[in-house]
N, C-alpha and C. Protein backbone atom coordinates (compact mmCIF):
# COMPACT_ATOMS: atom_id res chain seq x y z
N UNK A 1 -4.76 -24.72 1.27
CA UNK A 1 -5.48 -24.17 2.41
C UNK A 1 -5.78 -22.70 2.16
N UNK A 2 -7.02 -22.33 2.29
CA UNK A 2 -7.43 -20.95 2.06
C UNK A 2 -7.31 -20.17 3.36
N UNK A 3 -6.65 -19.01 3.27
CA UNK A 3 -6.49 -18.16 4.45
C UNK A 3 -7.81 -17.48 4.79
N UNK A 4 -8.00 -17.27 6.09
CA UNK A 4 -9.21 -16.61 6.57
C UNK A 4 -8.83 -15.44 7.47
N UNK A 5 -9.77 -14.53 7.63
CA UNK A 5 -9.56 -13.41 8.55
C UNK A 5 -9.26 -13.97 9.94
N UNK A 6 -8.24 -13.44 10.57
CA UNK A 6 -7.80 -13.90 11.89
C UNK A 6 -6.65 -14.87 11.85
N UNK A 7 -6.42 -15.50 10.69
CA UNK A 7 -5.29 -16.43 10.56
C UNK A 7 -3.97 -15.67 10.64
N UNK A 8 -2.92 -16.32 11.16
CA UNK A 8 -1.60 -15.71 11.06
C UNK A 8 -1.19 -15.64 9.59
N UNK A 9 -0.65 -14.52 9.18
CA UNK A 9 -0.18 -14.39 7.80
C UNK A 9 1.06 -15.26 7.62
N UNK A 10 1.15 -16.00 6.53
CA UNK A 10 2.33 -16.84 6.30
C UNK A 10 3.62 -16.00 6.24
N UNK A 11 4.63 -16.48 6.94
CA UNK A 11 5.92 -15.81 6.94
C UNK A 11 6.58 -15.98 5.57
N UNK A 12 7.35 -15.00 5.17
CA UNK A 12 8.09 -15.10 3.92
C UNK A 12 9.34 -14.24 3.98
N UNK A 13 10.28 -14.57 3.14
CA UNK A 13 11.46 -13.76 2.87
C UNK A 13 11.57 -13.69 1.37
N UNK A 14 11.75 -12.48 0.82
CA UNK A 14 11.76 -12.32 -0.63
C UNK A 14 12.62 -11.12 -1.02
N UNK A 15 12.83 -11.01 -2.32
CA UNK A 15 13.62 -9.91 -2.88
C UNK A 15 12.69 -8.88 -3.50
N UNK A 16 13.00 -7.60 -3.27
CA UNK A 16 12.16 -6.52 -3.78
C UNK A 16 12.82 -5.80 -4.96
N UNK A 17 12.11 -4.82 -5.44
CA UNK A 17 12.51 -4.04 -6.61
C UNK A 17 13.96 -3.58 -6.58
N UNK A 18 14.43 -3.15 -5.42
CA UNK A 18 15.79 -2.62 -5.33
C UNK A 18 16.81 -3.69 -4.91
N UNK A 19 16.44 -4.95 -5.07
CA UNK A 19 17.30 -6.10 -4.73
C UNK A 19 17.53 -6.27 -3.23
N UNK A 20 16.72 -5.61 -2.41
CA UNK A 20 16.86 -5.82 -0.97
C UNK A 20 15.97 -6.98 -0.55
N UNK A 21 16.28 -7.53 0.61
CA UNK A 21 15.50 -8.64 1.15
C UNK A 21 14.45 -8.08 2.10
N UNK A 22 13.26 -8.62 1.99
CA UNK A 22 12.16 -8.19 2.84
C UNK A 22 11.53 -9.43 3.47
N UNK A 23 11.08 -9.28 4.72
CA UNK A 23 10.39 -10.37 5.43
C UNK A 23 9.08 -9.82 5.97
N UNK A 24 8.11 -10.69 6.14
CA UNK A 24 6.85 -10.25 6.73
C UNK A 24 7.11 -9.62 8.09
N UNK A 25 8.01 -10.20 8.87
CA UNK A 25 8.27 -9.69 10.22
C UNK A 25 8.81 -8.26 10.22
N UNK A 26 9.34 -7.79 9.09
CA UNK A 26 9.79 -6.39 8.99
C UNK A 26 8.64 -5.42 9.21
N UNK A 27 7.41 -5.90 9.02
CA UNK A 27 6.24 -5.03 9.08
C UNK A 27 5.43 -5.20 10.37
N UNK A 28 5.89 -6.05 11.27
CA UNK A 28 5.19 -6.18 12.54
C UNK A 28 5.20 -4.83 13.24
N UNK A 29 4.08 -4.46 13.83
CA UNK A 29 3.96 -3.16 14.49
C UNK A 29 3.27 -2.13 13.61
N UNK A 30 3.04 -2.47 12.34
CA UNK A 30 2.27 -1.60 11.46
C UNK A 30 1.42 -2.49 10.57
N UNK A 31 0.47 -1.90 9.87
CA UNK A 31 -0.38 -2.65 8.96
C UNK A 31 0.35 -2.83 7.63
N UNK A 32 0.02 -3.89 6.93
CA UNK A 32 0.62 -4.15 5.63
C UNK A 32 -0.47 -4.48 4.61
N UNK A 33 -0.43 -3.80 3.49
CA UNK A 33 -1.28 -4.11 2.34
C UNK A 33 -0.42 -4.99 1.44
N UNK A 34 -0.72 -6.27 1.41
CA UNK A 34 0.03 -7.23 0.61
C UNK A 34 -0.86 -7.63 -0.55
N UNK A 35 -0.51 -7.11 -1.73
CA UNK A 35 -1.39 -7.40 -2.86
C UNK A 35 -0.66 -8.21 -3.92
N UNK A 36 -1.37 -9.21 -4.43
CA UNK A 36 -0.85 -10.11 -5.45
C UNK A 36 -1.50 -9.73 -6.78
N UNK A 37 -0.70 -9.70 -7.83
CA UNK A 37 -1.21 -9.32 -9.14
C UNK A 37 -0.55 -10.21 -10.20
N UNK A 38 -1.21 -10.40 -11.34
CA UNK A 38 -0.71 -11.34 -12.33
C UNK A 38 0.61 -10.96 -13.01
N UNK A 39 0.75 -9.71 -13.49
CA UNK A 39 1.92 -9.43 -14.32
C UNK A 39 2.19 -7.93 -14.43
N UNK A 40 3.46 -7.59 -14.40
CA UNK A 40 3.87 -6.19 -14.58
C UNK A 40 3.41 -5.65 -15.93
N UNK A 41 3.06 -4.36 -15.93
CA UNK A 41 2.83 -3.60 -17.16
C UNK A 41 1.72 -4.16 -18.04
N UNK A 42 0.69 -4.72 -17.43
CA UNK A 42 -0.51 -5.10 -18.15
C UNK A 42 -1.61 -4.13 -17.71
N UNK A 43 -2.69 -3.98 -18.48
CA UNK A 43 -3.66 -2.92 -18.18
C UNK A 43 -4.24 -2.96 -16.77
N UNK A 44 -4.75 -4.09 -16.34
CA UNK A 44 -5.35 -4.16 -14.99
C UNK A 44 -4.33 -3.97 -13.89
N UNK A 45 -3.18 -4.58 -14.05
CA UNK A 45 -2.13 -4.48 -13.03
C UNK A 45 -1.58 -3.07 -12.94
N UNK A 46 -1.49 -2.39 -14.06
CA UNK A 46 -1.03 -1.01 -14.06
C UNK A 46 -2.05 -0.11 -13.36
N UNK A 47 -3.34 -0.29 -13.66
CA UNK A 47 -4.37 0.50 -12.98
C UNK A 47 -4.33 0.28 -11.48
N UNK A 48 -4.16 -0.97 -11.07
CA UNK A 48 -4.13 -1.30 -9.65
C UNK A 48 -2.93 -0.65 -8.96
N UNK A 49 -1.74 -0.79 -9.55
CA UNK A 49 -0.53 -0.22 -8.96
C UNK A 49 -0.62 1.31 -8.92
N UNK A 50 -1.14 1.91 -9.98
CA UNK A 50 -1.23 3.37 -10.02
C UNK A 50 -2.27 3.90 -9.03
N UNK A 51 -3.34 3.16 -8.82
CA UNK A 51 -4.33 3.55 -7.81
C UNK A 51 -3.67 3.59 -6.43
N UNK A 52 -2.93 2.55 -6.11
CA UNK A 52 -2.23 2.50 -4.82
C UNK A 52 -1.15 3.58 -4.74
N UNK A 53 -0.43 3.79 -5.84
CA UNK A 53 0.60 4.84 -5.89
C UNK A 53 -0.03 6.21 -5.61
N UNK A 54 -1.16 6.49 -6.25
CA UNK A 54 -1.79 7.80 -6.14
C UNK A 54 -2.33 8.08 -4.74
N UNK A 55 -2.56 7.04 -3.96
CA UNK A 55 -3.09 7.19 -2.60
C UNK A 55 -2.10 6.69 -1.54
N UNK A 56 -0.85 6.54 -1.94
CA UNK A 56 0.17 5.98 -1.05
C UNK A 56 0.31 6.78 0.24
N UNK A 57 0.31 8.10 0.13
CA UNK A 57 0.47 8.95 1.32
C UNK A 57 -0.70 8.74 2.29
N UNK A 58 -1.91 8.65 1.77
CA UNK A 58 -3.08 8.41 2.63
C UNK A 58 -3.00 7.05 3.32
N UNK A 59 -2.52 6.06 2.60
CA UNK A 59 -2.35 4.72 3.17
C UNK A 59 -1.28 4.75 4.26
N UNK A 60 -0.17 5.44 3.98
CA UNK A 60 0.87 5.58 5.00
C UNK A 60 0.35 6.34 6.22
N UNK A 61 -0.52 7.32 6.01
CA UNK A 61 -1.09 8.07 7.12
C UNK A 61 -1.94 7.19 8.04
N UNK A 62 -2.37 6.04 7.52
CA UNK A 62 -3.13 5.08 8.33
C UNK A 62 -2.19 4.02 8.91
N UNK A 63 -0.89 4.33 8.96
CA UNK A 63 0.15 3.46 9.51
C UNK A 63 0.20 2.12 8.79
N UNK A 64 0.13 2.19 7.46
CA UNK A 64 0.20 0.97 6.65
C UNK A 64 1.26 1.11 5.57
N UNK A 65 1.90 0.00 5.26
CA UNK A 65 2.86 -0.09 4.16
C UNK A 65 2.21 -0.93 3.05
N UNK A 66 2.80 -0.87 1.87
CA UNK A 66 2.31 -1.63 0.72
C UNK A 66 3.45 -2.47 0.15
N UNK A 67 3.12 -3.72 -0.17
CA UNK A 67 4.02 -4.59 -0.93
C UNK A 67 3.20 -5.21 -2.05
N UNK A 68 3.66 -5.06 -3.29
CA UNK A 68 3.04 -5.75 -4.41
C UNK A 68 3.82 -7.01 -4.70
N UNK A 69 3.12 -8.08 -5.07
CA UNK A 69 3.78 -9.37 -5.31
C UNK A 69 3.32 -9.95 -6.65
N UNK A 70 4.28 -10.28 -7.50
CA UNK A 70 4.00 -11.05 -8.71
C UNK A 70 5.22 -11.92 -9.00
N UNK A 71 5.08 -12.77 -9.99
CA UNK A 71 6.13 -13.75 -10.24
C UNK A 71 7.20 -13.27 -11.21
N UNK A 72 7.14 -12.01 -11.65
CA UNK A 72 8.18 -11.49 -12.53
C UNK A 72 9.45 -11.25 -11.72
N UNK A 73 10.56 -11.13 -12.42
CA UNK A 73 11.84 -10.95 -11.74
C UNK A 73 12.09 -9.47 -11.40
N UNK A 74 13.18 -9.23 -10.71
CA UNK A 74 13.52 -7.89 -10.24
C UNK A 74 13.63 -6.91 -11.41
N UNK A 75 14.26 -7.31 -12.50
CA UNK A 75 14.42 -6.36 -13.62
C UNK A 75 13.07 -5.96 -14.21
N UNK A 76 12.13 -6.88 -14.29
CA UNK A 76 10.78 -6.55 -14.76
C UNK A 76 10.12 -5.56 -13.79
N UNK A 77 10.26 -5.82 -12.50
CA UNK A 77 9.69 -4.91 -11.50
C UNK A 77 10.35 -3.54 -11.57
N UNK A 78 11.65 -3.51 -11.82
CA UNK A 78 12.34 -2.22 -11.92
C UNK A 78 11.82 -1.42 -13.11
N UNK A 79 11.63 -2.06 -14.25
CA UNK A 79 11.09 -1.37 -15.44
C UNK A 79 9.67 -0.85 -15.17
N UNK A 80 8.85 -1.68 -14.56
CA UNK A 80 7.47 -1.31 -14.23
C UNK A 80 7.45 -0.13 -13.25
N UNK A 81 8.29 -0.21 -12.23
CA UNK A 81 8.38 0.85 -11.22
C UNK A 81 8.82 2.17 -11.85
N UNK A 82 9.84 2.12 -12.70
CA UNK A 82 10.34 3.33 -13.33
C UNK A 82 9.32 3.92 -14.30
N UNK A 83 8.68 3.09 -15.08
CA UNK A 83 7.72 3.56 -16.09
C UNK A 83 6.54 4.27 -15.45
N UNK A 84 6.06 3.76 -14.31
CA UNK A 84 4.86 4.32 -13.68
C UNK A 84 5.13 5.00 -12.34
N UNK A 85 6.41 5.19 -12.01
CA UNK A 85 6.79 5.87 -10.78
C UNK A 85 6.11 5.24 -9.55
N UNK A 86 6.18 3.92 -9.47
CA UNK A 86 5.59 3.19 -8.35
C UNK A 86 6.42 3.49 -7.11
N UNK A 87 5.75 3.91 -6.05
CA UNK A 87 6.45 4.43 -4.86
C UNK A 87 6.61 3.41 -3.73
N UNK A 88 6.25 2.18 -3.97
CA UNK A 88 6.37 1.14 -2.94
C UNK A 88 7.06 -0.07 -3.56
N UNK A 89 7.62 -0.95 -2.72
CA UNK A 89 8.36 -2.11 -3.25
C UNK A 89 7.46 -3.16 -3.90
N UNK A 90 8.01 -3.80 -4.89
CA UNK A 90 7.38 -4.97 -5.52
C UNK A 90 8.26 -6.18 -5.23
N UNK A 91 7.62 -7.27 -4.87
CA UNK A 91 8.32 -8.51 -4.53
C UNK A 91 8.45 -9.37 -5.78
N UNK A 92 9.68 -9.82 -6.05
CA UNK A 92 9.95 -10.72 -7.17
C UNK A 92 9.78 -12.16 -6.67
N UNK A 93 8.58 -12.68 -6.81
CA UNK A 93 8.24 -14.03 -6.33
C UNK A 93 8.44 -15.02 -7.47
N UNK A 94 9.67 -15.10 -7.98
CA UNK A 94 9.93 -15.86 -9.21
C UNK A 94 9.65 -17.36 -9.09
N UNK A 95 9.75 -17.90 -7.89
CA UNK A 95 9.44 -19.33 -7.73
C UNK A 95 8.00 -19.56 -7.27
N UNK A 96 7.25 -18.47 -7.06
CA UNK A 96 5.85 -18.58 -6.68
C UNK A 96 5.62 -18.99 -5.24
N UNK A 97 6.66 -19.06 -4.43
CA UNK A 97 6.52 -19.55 -3.05
C UNK A 97 5.61 -18.65 -2.21
N UNK A 98 5.77 -17.35 -2.32
CA UNK A 98 4.93 -16.43 -1.54
C UNK A 98 3.49 -16.51 -2.04
N UNK A 99 3.32 -16.51 -3.35
CA UNK A 99 1.97 -16.59 -3.94
C UNK A 99 1.25 -17.86 -3.51
N UNK A 100 1.97 -18.99 -3.52
CA UNK A 100 1.34 -20.25 -3.10
C UNK A 100 1.00 -20.22 -1.61
N UNK A 101 1.88 -19.65 -0.78
CA UNK A 101 1.63 -19.60 0.66
C UNK A 101 0.37 -18.81 0.97
N UNK A 102 0.07 -17.83 0.15
CA UNK A 102 -1.11 -16.99 0.36
C UNK A 102 -2.30 -17.41 -0.49
N UNK A 103 -2.18 -18.53 -1.18
CA UNK A 103 -3.30 -19.03 -1.97
C UNK A 103 -3.55 -18.24 -3.24
N UNK A 104 -2.58 -17.48 -3.69
CA UNK A 104 -2.75 -16.67 -4.89
C UNK A 104 -2.40 -17.43 -6.17
N UNK A 105 -2.02 -18.70 -6.02
CA UNK A 105 -1.70 -19.51 -7.20
C UNK A 105 -2.42 -20.85 -7.16
N UNK A 106 -3.61 -20.86 -6.64
CA UNK A 106 -4.37 -22.09 -6.69
C UNK A 106 -5.86 -21.80 -6.60
N UNK A 107 -6.66 -22.76 -6.89
CA UNK A 107 -8.10 -22.64 -6.74
C UNK A 107 -8.81 -22.32 -8.04
N UNK A 108 -9.81 -23.13 -8.35
CA UNK A 108 -10.65 -22.87 -9.52
C UNK A 108 -9.93 -23.14 -10.82
N UNK A 109 -10.71 -23.18 -11.89
CA UNK A 109 -10.17 -23.46 -13.21
C UNK A 109 -9.18 -22.39 -13.64
N UNK A 110 -9.54 -21.12 -13.49
CA UNK A 110 -8.63 -20.03 -13.90
C UNK A 110 -7.38 -20.01 -13.02
N UNK A 111 -7.56 -20.25 -11.73
CA UNK A 111 -6.42 -20.28 -10.83
C UNK A 111 -5.45 -21.38 -11.17
N UNK A 112 -5.98 -22.54 -11.51
CA UNK A 112 -5.13 -23.66 -11.89
C UNK A 112 -4.39 -23.36 -13.19
N UNK A 113 -5.10 -22.80 -14.16
CA UNK A 113 -4.47 -22.45 -15.43
C UNK A 113 -3.38 -21.41 -15.21
N UNK A 114 -3.67 -20.39 -14.41
CA UNK A 114 -2.68 -19.35 -14.13
C UNK A 114 -1.46 -19.95 -13.44
N UNK A 115 -1.69 -20.87 -12.51
CA UNK A 115 -0.57 -21.51 -11.80
C UNK A 115 0.36 -22.25 -12.76
N UNK A 116 -0.23 -22.90 -13.75
CA UNK A 116 0.58 -23.64 -14.71
C UNK A 116 1.53 -22.72 -15.47
N UNK A 117 1.12 -21.47 -15.64
CA UNK A 117 1.96 -20.49 -16.34
C UNK A 117 2.77 -19.63 -15.38
N UNK A 118 2.69 -19.93 -14.09
CA UNK A 118 3.47 -19.19 -13.10
C UNK A 118 2.96 -17.79 -12.85
N UNK A 119 1.67 -17.59 -12.99
CA UNK A 119 1.07 -16.27 -12.81
C UNK A 119 0.16 -16.31 -11.59
N UNK A 120 0.28 -15.32 -10.72
CA UNK A 120 -0.55 -15.27 -9.51
C UNK A 120 -1.92 -14.67 -9.83
N UNK A 121 -2.91 -15.08 -9.05
CA UNK A 121 -4.23 -14.46 -9.11
C UNK A 121 -4.19 -13.11 -8.41
N UNK A 122 -5.17 -12.28 -8.71
CA UNK A 122 -5.27 -10.97 -8.09
C UNK A 122 -6.04 -11.11 -6.77
N UNK A 123 -5.36 -10.83 -5.67
CA UNK A 123 -5.98 -10.86 -4.34
C UNK A 123 -5.16 -9.96 -3.42
N UNK A 124 -5.83 -9.34 -2.47
CA UNK A 124 -5.15 -8.44 -1.53
C UNK A 124 -5.45 -8.86 -0.11
N UNK A 125 -4.41 -8.87 0.70
CA UNK A 125 -4.53 -9.15 2.13
C UNK A 125 -4.13 -7.90 2.90
N UNK A 126 -4.96 -7.51 3.85
CA UNK A 126 -4.59 -6.47 4.80
C UNK A 126 -4.18 -7.20 6.07
N UNK A 127 -2.95 -7.00 6.45
CA UNK A 127 -2.36 -7.70 7.59
C UNK A 127 -2.21 -6.71 8.73
N UNK A 128 -2.66 -7.11 9.92
CA UNK A 128 -2.62 -6.19 11.06
C UNK A 128 -1.23 -6.11 11.68
N UNK A 129 -1.11 -5.28 12.68
CA UNK A 129 0.18 -5.01 13.32
C UNK A 129 0.82 -6.24 13.96
N UNK A 130 0.00 -7.24 14.30
CA UNK A 130 0.53 -8.44 14.93
C UNK A 130 0.79 -9.57 13.92
N UNK A 131 0.60 -9.29 12.62
CA UNK A 131 0.89 -10.30 11.60
C UNK A 131 -0.26 -11.24 11.30
N UNK A 132 -1.49 -10.81 11.58
CA UNK A 132 -2.67 -11.63 11.28
C UNK A 132 -3.47 -11.01 10.14
N UNK A 133 -4.17 -11.85 9.41
CA UNK A 133 -5.01 -11.39 8.31
C UNK A 133 -6.20 -10.62 8.91
N UNK A 134 -6.31 -9.34 8.54
CA UNK A 134 -7.40 -8.50 9.04
C UNK A 134 -8.54 -8.42 8.02
N UNK A 135 -8.20 -8.38 6.74
CA UNK A 135 -9.19 -8.31 5.67
C UNK A 135 -8.63 -8.98 4.43
N UNK A 136 -9.54 -9.47 3.59
CA UNK A 136 -9.16 -10.07 2.32
C UNK A 136 -10.03 -9.44 1.25
N UNK A 137 -9.41 -8.95 0.20
CA UNK A 137 -10.15 -8.42 -0.95
C UNK A 137 -9.92 -9.42 -2.08
N UNK A 138 -10.94 -10.29 -2.28
CA UNK A 138 -10.82 -11.38 -3.25
C UNK A 138 -10.83 -10.93 -4.70
N UNK A 139 -11.62 -9.91 -5.00
CA UNK A 139 -11.74 -9.44 -6.37
C UNK A 139 -11.56 -7.93 -6.38
N UNK A 140 -10.31 -7.48 -6.30
CA UNK A 140 -10.06 -6.04 -6.25
C UNK A 140 -10.56 -5.31 -7.50
N UNK A 141 -11.06 -4.11 -7.29
CA UNK A 141 -11.41 -3.21 -8.38
C UNK A 141 -10.12 -2.47 -8.74
N UNK A 142 -9.50 -2.85 -9.82
CA UNK A 142 -8.15 -2.34 -10.14
C UNK A 142 -8.08 -0.82 -10.13
N UNK A 143 -9.00 -0.15 -10.80
CA UNK A 143 -8.93 1.30 -10.94
C UNK A 143 -9.17 2.02 -9.61
N UNK A 144 -9.88 1.39 -8.70
CA UNK A 144 -10.23 2.02 -7.41
C UNK A 144 -9.74 1.21 -6.23
N UNK A 145 -8.64 0.49 -6.43
CA UNK A 145 -8.18 -0.41 -5.37
C UNK A 145 -7.76 0.33 -4.11
N UNK A 146 -7.13 1.47 -4.25
CA UNK A 146 -6.70 2.22 -3.06
C UNK A 146 -7.89 2.63 -2.21
N UNK A 147 -8.99 3.01 -2.84
CA UNK A 147 -10.19 3.37 -2.09
C UNK A 147 -10.73 2.17 -1.32
N UNK A 148 -10.70 0.99 -1.95
CA UNK A 148 -11.11 -0.23 -1.26
C UNK A 148 -10.25 -0.45 -0.02
N UNK A 149 -8.95 -0.31 -0.20
CA UNK A 149 -8.01 -0.52 0.90
C UNK A 149 -8.25 0.51 2.00
N UNK A 150 -8.34 1.77 1.63
CA UNK A 150 -8.51 2.84 2.63
C UNK A 150 -9.79 2.66 3.43
N UNK A 151 -10.84 2.16 2.79
CA UNK A 151 -12.11 1.92 3.50
C UNK A 151 -11.97 0.84 4.57
N UNK A 152 -10.99 -0.06 4.41
CA UNK A 152 -10.79 -1.14 5.37
C UNK A 152 -9.72 -0.84 6.43
N UNK A 153 -8.87 0.13 6.14
CA UNK A 153 -7.81 0.47 7.10
C UNK A 153 -8.41 1.30 8.23
């Protein structure tokens, strides 16, 4: 099932970079930039994370938080975070449950191939204060992703 603007965002509970547990409901009352990316420390994913990192304060000023989601484990996320000084949590979606709930691991030939290897597609959801999908960025521009997000917040 493909999510649409206005749909309730799927609930999830997951582990983040610092081994803490995070739930979608933790972000009710503020906006959430929930972005899915294929893999830590690859060129496109690094550009995307660094774009968001570089504009993190501006995004926070718009009363929004950021969560990055990929299928790598916590130790991979910790290395990626330390190497690039990522200032927001990354979700270790090792079983792909969050990615599948948001449709980031299905659809199309490339999506199916990526799913077979346990890799999520690149997609971003902006979730409003009440937990509904406000915007979807299907094909993020990695190098300028924060600008895309800020234009929608």
